[in-house]
């Protein structure tokens, strides 16, 4: 796809067992637990399948992973329950690359200059609002909080550094909730537009995190598939 409308939900690929879509920022991947939130990527794909005669009781989209509401980018759905289970049970083998781009604020970084590439290997804890974060002092966590911690690994490359912001490319080794947001904030680079992680700037009126690339082995045909939507050029 040569051009993309970054505000419009778009079906990038669909066959009998999977669909790959572009989800714009501001749209939930799937309905929230309370059923609120308006149109989602899931409901938009269902509408598309109904209009094209693909939807049925046993042939409809199910989530295999998610993007935050304010994150844009490439998202995959399974179209049968058996394929959904297969993908989720073999996620690490099926998905060969997940690449994100983030525009982050420089203001919170302290110490030596950040290396041009590296790995953030920091476990995540959950606060009272179920938001993930990197604990600074493990001794202050309760036993319950320690038990709830999860490992998280993010590989980063600095694409460009400016006076106020830095553009990152990020590859996930694990896929935890808000992993990139928590990891970048923990090293002093909160993502632009991310008030939850104490970013002070919002130059593009959105969370500046974009799922640029998803590469995987097709769960049925075994074909290697790659879908990429560049981050907004203004970043």
Protein backbone atom coordinates (compact mmCIF):
# COMPACT_ATOMS: atom_id res chain seq x y z
CA UNK A 1 0.00 0.00 0.00
CA UNK A 2 1.67 3.19 -1.20
CA UNK A 3 -0.49 5.71 0.66
CA UNK A 4 -2.29 5.52 3.96
CA UNK A 5 -4.88 7.78 5.54
CA UNK A 6 -3.64 7.79 9.12
CA UNK A 7 -7.12 8.62 10.43
CA UNK A 8 -8.90 5.77 8.61
CA UNK A 9 -9.25 2.11 9.52
CA UNK A 10 -7.96 0.06 6.57
CA UNK A 11 -7.96 -3.65 5.73
CA UNK A 12 -4.46 -4.42 4.45
CA UNK A 13 -4.93 -8.18 3.85
CA UNK A 14 -7.58 -10.84 4.33
CA UNK A 15 -7.95 -14.52 3.48
CA UNK A 16 -9.93 -17.40 4.96
CA UNK A 17 -8.12 -17.53 8.30
CA UNK A 18 -6.44 -14.19 9.08
CA UNK A 19 -6.82 -10.47 8.47
CA UNK A 20 -4.26 -7.70 8.83
CA UNK A 21 -5.48 -4.14 9.32
CA UNK A 22 -4.26 -0.62 9.95
CA UNK A 23 -5.71 0.75 13.21
CA UNK A 24 -5.71 4.56 13.57
CA UNK A 25 -4.87 6.23 16.87
CA UNK A 26 -7.90 6.91 19.08
CA UNK A 27 -9.57 3.57 18.22
CA UNK A 28 -9.69 0.62 20.60
CA UNK A 29 -8.47 -2.70 19.23
CA UNK A 30 -11.38 -4.57 20.84
CA UNK A 31 -14.35 -3.45 22.97
CA UNK A 32 -13.57 -2.35 26.52
CA UNK A 33 -14.78 -4.50 29.38
CA UNK A 34 -17.72 -2.17 30.00
CA UNK A 35 -18.77 -2.34 26.35
CA UNK A 36 -18.12 1.37 25.84
CA UNK A 37 -15.65 3.12 23.59
CA UNK A 38 -17.44 3.37 20.24
CA UNK A 39 -16.12 1.75 17.08
CA UNK A 40 -13.19 -0.60 17.46
CA UNK A 41 -10.82 -2.29 15.03
CA UNK A 42 -12.70 -5.52 15.71
CA UNK A 43 -16.14 -4.07 14.93
CA UNK A 44 -14.78 -2.26 11.86
CA UNK A 45 -13.37 -5.52 10.52
CA UNK A 46 -16.66 -7.28 11.24
CA UNK A 47 -18.50 -4.59 9.24
CA UNK A 48 -16.07 -5.02 6.35
CA UNK A 49 -16.56 -8.80 6.38
CA UNK A 50 -20.34 -8.47 6.41
CA UNK A 51 -20.27 -6.06 3.47
CA UNK A 52 -18.02 -8.39 1.47
CA UNK A 53 -19.95 -11.57 2.34
CA UNK A 54 -17.15 -13.07 4.44
CA UNK A 55 -18.80 -13.01 7.88
CA UNK A 56 -20.54 -16.05 9.37
CA UNK A 57 -21.10 -17.76 12.71
CA UNK A 58 -17.87 -19.72 12.39
CA UNK A 59 -15.93 -17.17 10.35
CA UNK A 60 -15.44 -13.89 12.17
CA UNK A 61 -12.51 -11.94 13.64
CA UNK A 62 -10.96 -12.70 17.02
CA UNK A 63 -8.06 -10.85 18.64
CA UNK A 64 -4.60 -12.41 18.84
CA UNK A 65 -2.84 -9.25 20.08
CA UNK A 66 -3.77 -5.61 20.71
CA UNK A 67 -2.57 -2.05 20.35
CA UNK A 68 -3.40 0.66 22.89
CA UNK A 69 -6.24 2.99 21.94
CA UNK A 70 -3.82 5.86 21.26
CA UNK A 71 -1.28 3.73 19.35
CA UNK A 72 -1.64 3.49 15.57
CA UNK A 73 -0.34 0.75 13.32
CA UNK A 74 -0.50 -2.77 11.98
CA UNK A 75 -2.75 -5.27 13.75
CA UNK A 76 -3.61 -8.91 13.00
CA UNK A 77 -6.83 -10.85 13.67
CA UNK A 78 -7.66 -14.53 13.37
CA UNK A 79 -10.87 -15.40 11.53
CA UNK A 80 -11.53 -18.83 13.06
CA UNK A 81 -11.32 -20.01 16.65
CA UNK A 82 -8.90 -22.81 15.81
CA UNK A 83 -6.47 -20.42 14.08
CA UNK A 84 -6.80 -17.92 16.93
CA UNK A 85 -5.75 -20.62 19.38
CA UNK A 86 -2.91 -21.76 17.13
CA UNK A 87 -1.49 -18.25 16.83
CA UNK A 88 -1.77 -17.50 20.54
CA UNK A 89 -0.23 -20.84 21.55
CA UNK A 90 2.71 -20.35 19.16
CA UNK A 91 3.07 -16.55 19.17
CA UNK A 92 6.84 -16.47 19.69
CA UNK A 93 7.41 -18.87 16.78
CA UNK A 94 4.82 -17.40 14.40
CA UNK A 95 5.61 -13.70 14.87
CA UNK A 96 9.15 -13.01 13.67
CA UNK A 97 9.25 -9.20 14.00
CA UNK A 98 7.26 -6.41 15.65
CA UNK A 99 8.73 -2.96 15.08
CA UNK A 100 7.46 0.33 16.51
CA UNK A 101 8.43 3.96 16.06
CA UNK A 102 8.14 6.42 18.94
CA UNK A 103 8.78 10.13 19.27
CA UNK A 104 9.93 10.75 22.83
CA UNK A 105 10.68 13.79 24.98
CA UNK A 106 14.32 14.36 26.00
CA UNK A 107 13.71 16.35 29.15
CA UNK A 108 13.75 13.57 31.75
CA UNK A 109 17.01 11.83 30.77
CA UNK A 110 19.87 12.10 33.27
CA UNK A 111 23.43 10.86 33.16
CA UNK A 112 25.61 9.98 30.14
CA UNK A 113 24.29 10.27 26.60
CA UNK A 114 22.03 7.42 25.58
CA UNK A 115 23.83 4.88 23.32
CA UNK A 116 22.59 4.87 19.73
CA UNK A 117 21.20 1.37 20.27
CA UNK A 118 20.63 -0.90 23.20
CA UNK A 119 18.28 -3.10 25.18
CA UNK A 120 15.96 -2.21 28.04
CA UNK A 121 15.62 -5.36 30.14
CA UNK A 122 13.50 -4.20 33.07
CA UNK A 123 10.63 -6.11 34.68
CA UNK A 124 7.29 -4.34 34.95
CA UNK A 125 5.04 -3.96 37.97
CA UNK A 126 1.42 -2.79 38.13
CA UNK A 127 0.15 0.10 40.21
CA UNK A 128 -3.28 0.46 41.81
CA UNK A 129 -4.70 1.68 38.48
CA UNK A 130 -3.38 -1.39 36.61
CA UNK A 131 -0.81 0.78 34.83
CA UNK A 132 2.56 -0.83 34.20
CA UNK A 133 5.78 0.82 35.36
CA UNK A 134 9.42 0.00 36.06
CA UNK A 135 9.97 -0.01 39.86
CA UNK A 136 12.94 2.06 41.00
CA UNK A 137 13.21 0.33 44.37
CA UNK A 138 12.10 -3.31 44.58
CA UNK A 139 12.40 -3.24 48.37
CA UNK A 140 9.37 -0.93 48.53
CA UNK A 141 7.09 -3.36 46.73
CA UNK A 142 4.73 -5.58 48.69
CA UNK A 143 5.04 -9.37 48.29
CA UNK A 144 1.86 -9.31 46.18
CA UNK A 145 3.29 -6.61 43.91
CA UNK A 146 6.52 -8.57 43.50
CA UNK A 147 4.60 -11.71 42.56
CA UNK A 148 2.68 -9.71 39.94
CA UNK A 149 5.81 -8.47 38.18
CA UNK A 150 6.51 -9.64 34.63
CA UNK A 151 9.70 -9.74 32.57
CA UNK A 152 9.92 -7.28 29.68
CA UNK A 153 12.61 -6.74 27.04
CA UNK A 154 12.67 -3.93 24.46
CA UNK A 155 15.44 -3.40 21.89
CA UNK A 156 15.84 0.19 20.68
CA UNK A 157 17.69 2.17 18.02
CA UNK A 158 17.91 5.97 18.03
CA UNK A 159 16.88 7.13 14.56
CA UNK A 160 17.26 10.86 15.12
CA UNK A 161 17.95 13.20 18.03
CA UNK A 162 16.76 16.80 18.25
CA UNK A 163 16.97 19.49 20.91
CA UNK A 164 13.69 18.53 22.54
CA UNK A 165 12.74 15.07 21.21
CA UNK A 166 14.28 11.80 20.06
CA UNK A 167 12.91 9.43 17.42
CA UNK A 168 13.23 5.75 18.34
CA UNK A 169 12.79 2.46 16.51
CA UNK A 170 11.81 -0.31 18.90
CA UNK A 171 11.59 -4.09 18.60
CA UNK A 172 9.78 -6.17 21.17
CA UNK A 173 11.16 -9.37 22.59
CA UNK A 174 8.17 -9.56 24.93
CA UNK A 175 4.74 -8.03 24.46
CA UNK A 176 3.58 -6.68 27.81
CA UNK A 177 0.86 -4.10 28.38
CA UNK A 178 2.27 -0.57 27.80
CA UNK A 179 5.76 -2.07 27.64
CA UNK A 180 7.32 0.52 25.33
CA UNK A 181 5.68 3.41 27.15
CA UNK A 182 6.91 2.21 30.55
CA UNK A 183 10.40 1.29 29.32
CA UNK A 184 11.12 4.56 27.52
CA UNK A 185 9.78 6.56 30.46
CA UNK A 186 12.03 4.59 32.83
CA UNK A 187 15.17 5.73 30.97
CA UNK A 188 14.04 9.36 30.84
CA UNK A 189 12.33 9.47 27.44
CA UNK A 190 8.54 9.50 27.92
CA UNK A 191 6.65 9.29 24.64
CA UNK A 192 5.30 12.61 23.37
CA UNK A 193 1.64 13.03 24.25
CA UNK A 194 1.80 10.43 27.04
CA UNK A 195 0.50 12.18 30.17
CA UNK A 196 0.22 8.86 32.01
CA UNK A 197 4.00 8.59 31.94
CA UNK A 198 4.64 12.27 32.78
CA UNK A 199 5.44 13.61 29.35
CA UNK A 200 5.10 17.41 29.26
CA UNK A 201 4.83 17.90 25.49
CA UNK A 202 2.21 16.92 22.93
CA UNK A 203 3.37 18.33 19.57
CA UNK A 204 0.99 16.28 17.40
CA UNK A 205 -2.06 16.02 19.68
CA UNK A 206 -1.71 12.27 20.06
CA UNK A 207 0.42 9.59 21.66
CA UNK A 208 3.42 9.42 19.31
CA UNK A 209 3.72 5.64 19.20
CA UNK A 210 3.18 3.70 15.97
CA UNK A 211 3.31 -0.05 15.25
CA UNK A 212 5.17 0.18 11.97
CA UNK A 213 5.86 -3.42 11.05
CA UNK A 214 4.43 -6.87 11.70
CA UNK A 215 6.18 -9.89 10.21
CA UNK A 216 4.96 -13.44 10.76
CA UNK A 217 4.70 -16.97 9.40
CA UNK A 218 1.18 -17.64 8.09
CA UNK A 219 -0.39 -20.14 10.52
CA UNK A 220 -1.76 -22.32 7.70
CA UNK A 221 0.24 -21.78 4.50
CA UNK A 222 3.55 -21.22 6.35
CA UNK A 223 4.30 -18.32 4.00
CA UNK A 224 6.41 -15.51 5.47
CA UNK A 225 4.31 -12.34 5.50
CA UNK A 226 5.36 -8.75 6.15
CA UNK A 227 3.18 -5.67 6.57
CA UNK A 228 4.61 -2.20 7.08
CA UNK A 229 3.04 1.23 7.44
CA UNK A 230 5.61 4.04 7.93
CA UNK A 231 5.21 6.36 10.88
CA UNK A 232 3.74 9.80 10.09
CA UNK A 233 6.39 11.77 8.18
CA UNK A 234 5.98 14.88 10.36
CA UNK A 235 7.50 13.02 13.33
